[in-house]
Amino acid sequence: MTTVAGVVLQTVPGAGPRVAARLAREPGVTLAGGDGDARVALVWEAADGATLDALAEALVARDPEILGVYPTFVGNDEE
């Protein structure tokens, strides 16, 4: 089973495109859109919700341009 989450990242003003470009290389991350300024929409896939929580915390801790990670949906994909 895979956990899938839609999230919106809030970045510092103007950083959205840079952050999106960096995250596009992360495994399990699919870019879904953004406002071209400070918000980036992503779909994340991981083994479980705890992994997604840890990824969100790590992104905020390691990237000073990311101000917050806000989930919009979370579900399980039973393959």
C-alpha atoms as a PDB file:
ATOM      1  CA  MET A   1       0.000   0.000   0.000  1.00  0.00           C
ATOM      2  CA  THR A   2       1.192   3.522  -0.820  1.00  0.00           C
ATOM      3  CA  THR A   3       0.190   6.712   0.962  1.00  0.00           C
ATOM      4  CA  VAL A   4      -0.547   9.600  -1.373  1.00  0.00           C
ATOM      5  CA  ALA A   5      -0.818  13.223  -0.261  1.00  0.00           C
ATOM      6  CA  GLY A   6      -1.500  16.476  -2.006  1.00  0.00           C
ATOM      7  CA  VAL A   7       0.322  19.388  -0.420  1.00  0.00           C
ATOM      8  CA  VAL A   8       0.834  23.082  -0.924  1.00  0.00           C
ATOM      9  CA  LEU A   9       4.230  24.514  -0.011  1.00  0.00           C
ATOM     10  CA  GLN A  10       4.436  28.131   1.055  1.00  0.00           C
ATOM     11  CA  THR A  11       7.777  29.690   0.209  1.00  0.00           C
ATOM     12  CA  VAL A  12       9.314  33.089   0.718  1.00  0.00           C
ATOM     13  CA  PRO A  13       8.130  35.554  -1.957  1.00  0.00           C
ATOM     14  CA  GLY A  14       9.569  34.734  -5.367  1.00  0.00           C
ATOM     15  CA  ALA A  15      11.075  31.387  -4.334  1.00  0.00           C
ATOM     16  CA  GLY A  16       8.307  29.109  -5.617  1.00  0.00           C
ATOM     17  CA  PRO A  17       9.888  28.352  -9.015  1.00  0.00           C
ATOM     18  CA  ARG A  18      13.327  27.649  -7.466  1.00  0.00           C
ATOM     19  CA  VAL A  19      11.861  25.378  -4.799  1.00  0.00           C
ATOM     20  CA  ALA A  20       9.751  23.558  -7.410  1.00  0.00           C
ATOM     21  CA  ALA A  21      12.823  22.921  -9.554  1.00  0.00           C
ATOM     22  CA  ARG A  22      14.697  21.428  -6.584  1.00  0.00           C
ATOM     23  CA  LEU A  23      11.764  19.257  -5.493  1.00  0.00           C
ATOM     24  CA  ALA A  24      11.151  17.921  -9.011  1.00  0.00           C
ATOM     25  CA  ARG A  25      14.252  15.755  -8.498  1.00  0.00           C
ATOM     26  CA  GLU A  26      12.977  14.183  -5.249  1.00  0.00           C
ATOM     27  CA  PRO A  27      11.726  10.580  -5.506  1.00  0.00           C
ATOM     28  CA  GLY A  28       7.976  10.228  -4.986  1.00  0.00           C
ATOM     29  CA  VAL A  29       7.297  13.915  -5.732  1.00  0.00           C
ATOM     30  CA  THR A  30       5.152  15.049  -8.655  1.00  0.00           C
ATOM     31  CA  LEU A  31       4.742  18.756  -9.295  1.00  0.00           C
ATOM     32  CA  ALA A  32       1.086  19.699  -9.769  1.00  0.00           C
ATOM     33  CA  GLY A  33       1.351  23.468 -10.210  1.00  0.00           C
ATOM     34  CA  GLY A  34       2.022  26.732  -8.486  1.00  0.00           C
ATOM     35  CA  ASP A  35       1.293  30.418  -8.568  1.00  0.00           C
ATOM     36  CA  GLY A  36       4.700  31.357 -10.031  1.00  0.00           C
ATOM     37  CA  ASP A  37       5.613  33.245  -6.871  1.00  0.00           C
ATOM     38  CA  ALA A  38       5.373  31.675  -3.431  1.00  0.00           C
ATOM     39  CA  ARG A  39       3.142  28.584  -3.610  1.00  0.00           C
ATOM     40  CA  VAL A  40       3.901  25.169  -5.068  1.00  0.00           C
ATOM     41  CA  ALA A  41       1.399  22.296  -5.320  1.00  0.00           C
ATOM     42  CA  LEU A  42       2.776  18.751  -5.120  1.00  0.00           C
ATOM     43  CA  VAL A  43       1.603  15.169  -4.975  1.00  0.00           C
ATOM     44  CA  TRP A  44       3.744  12.985  -2.723  1.00  0.00           C
ATOM     45  CA  GLU A  45       3.845   9.209  -2.575  1.00  0.00           C
ATOM     46  CA  ALA A  46       5.514   7.200   0.181  1.00  0.00           C
ATOM     47  CA  ALA A  47       5.201   3.902   2.024  1.00  0.00           C
ATOM     48  CA  ASP A  48       3.191   5.463   4.853  1.00  0.00           C
ATOM     49  CA  GLY A  49       1.986   8.695   6.421  1.00  0.00           C
ATOM     50  CA  ALA A  50       4.852   8.814   8.916  1.00  0.00           C
ATOM     51  CA  THR A  51       7.327   8.962   6.027  1.00  0.00           C
ATOM     52  CA  LEU A  52       5.417  11.885   4.499  1.00  0.00           C
ATOM     53  CA  ASP A  53       5.375  13.705   7.851  1.00  0.00           C
ATOM     54  CA  ALA A  54       9.123  13.217   8.204  1.00  0.00           C
ATOM     55  CA  LEU A  55       9.683  14.494   4.657  1.00  0.00           C
ATOM     56  CA  ALA A  56       7.645  17.627   5.353  1.00  0.00           C
ATOM     57  CA  GLU A  57       9.614  18.327   8.536  1.00  0.00           C
ATOM     58  CA  ALA A  58      12.929  17.722   6.769  1.00  0.00           C
ATOM     59  CA  LEU A  59      12.047  20.057   3.890  1.00  0.00           C
ATOM     60  CA  VAL A  60      11.198  22.915   6.236  1.00  0.00           C
ATOM     61  CA  ALA A  61      14.316  22.271   8.353  1.00  0.00           C
ATOM     62  CA  ARG A  62      16.793  22.099   5.468  1.00  0.00           C
ATOM     63  CA  ASP A  63      15.408  24.696   3.050  1.00  0.00           C
ATOM     64  CA  PRO A  64      15.114  28.248   4.402  1.00  0.00           C
ATOM     65  CA  GLU A  65      12.987  29.204   1.383  1.00  0.00           C
ATOM     66  CA  ILE A  66      10.190  26.824   2.463  1.00  0.00           C
ATOM     67  CA  LEU A  67       8.003  28.381   5.144  1.00  0.00           C
ATOM     68  CA  GLY A  68       5.405  25.633   5.508  1.00  0.00           C
ATOM     69  CA  VAL A  69       3.957  22.415   4.111  1.00  0.00           C
ATOM     70  CA  TYR A  70       0.155  22.194   4.109  1.00  0.00           C
ATOM     71  CA  PRO A  71      -1.616  18.939   3.201  1.00  0.00           C
ATOM     72  CA  THR A  72      -4.789  19.204   1.138  1.00  0.00           C
ATOM     73  CA  PHE A  73      -5.591  15.472   1.001  1.00  0.00           C
ATOM     74  CA  VAL A  74      -4.093  12.213   2.231  1.00  0.00           C
ATOM     75  CA  GLY A  75      -5.152   8.737   1.179  1.00  0.00           C
ATOM     76  CA  ASN A  76      -3.968   5.206   0.554  1.00  0.00           C
ATOM     77  CA  ASP A  77      -3.526   3.657  -2.855  1.00  0.00           C
ATOM     78  CA  GLU A  78      -4.016  -0.090  -2.547  1.00  0.00           C
ATOM     79  CA  GLU A  79      -2.133  -1.358  -5.598  1.00  0.00           C
END
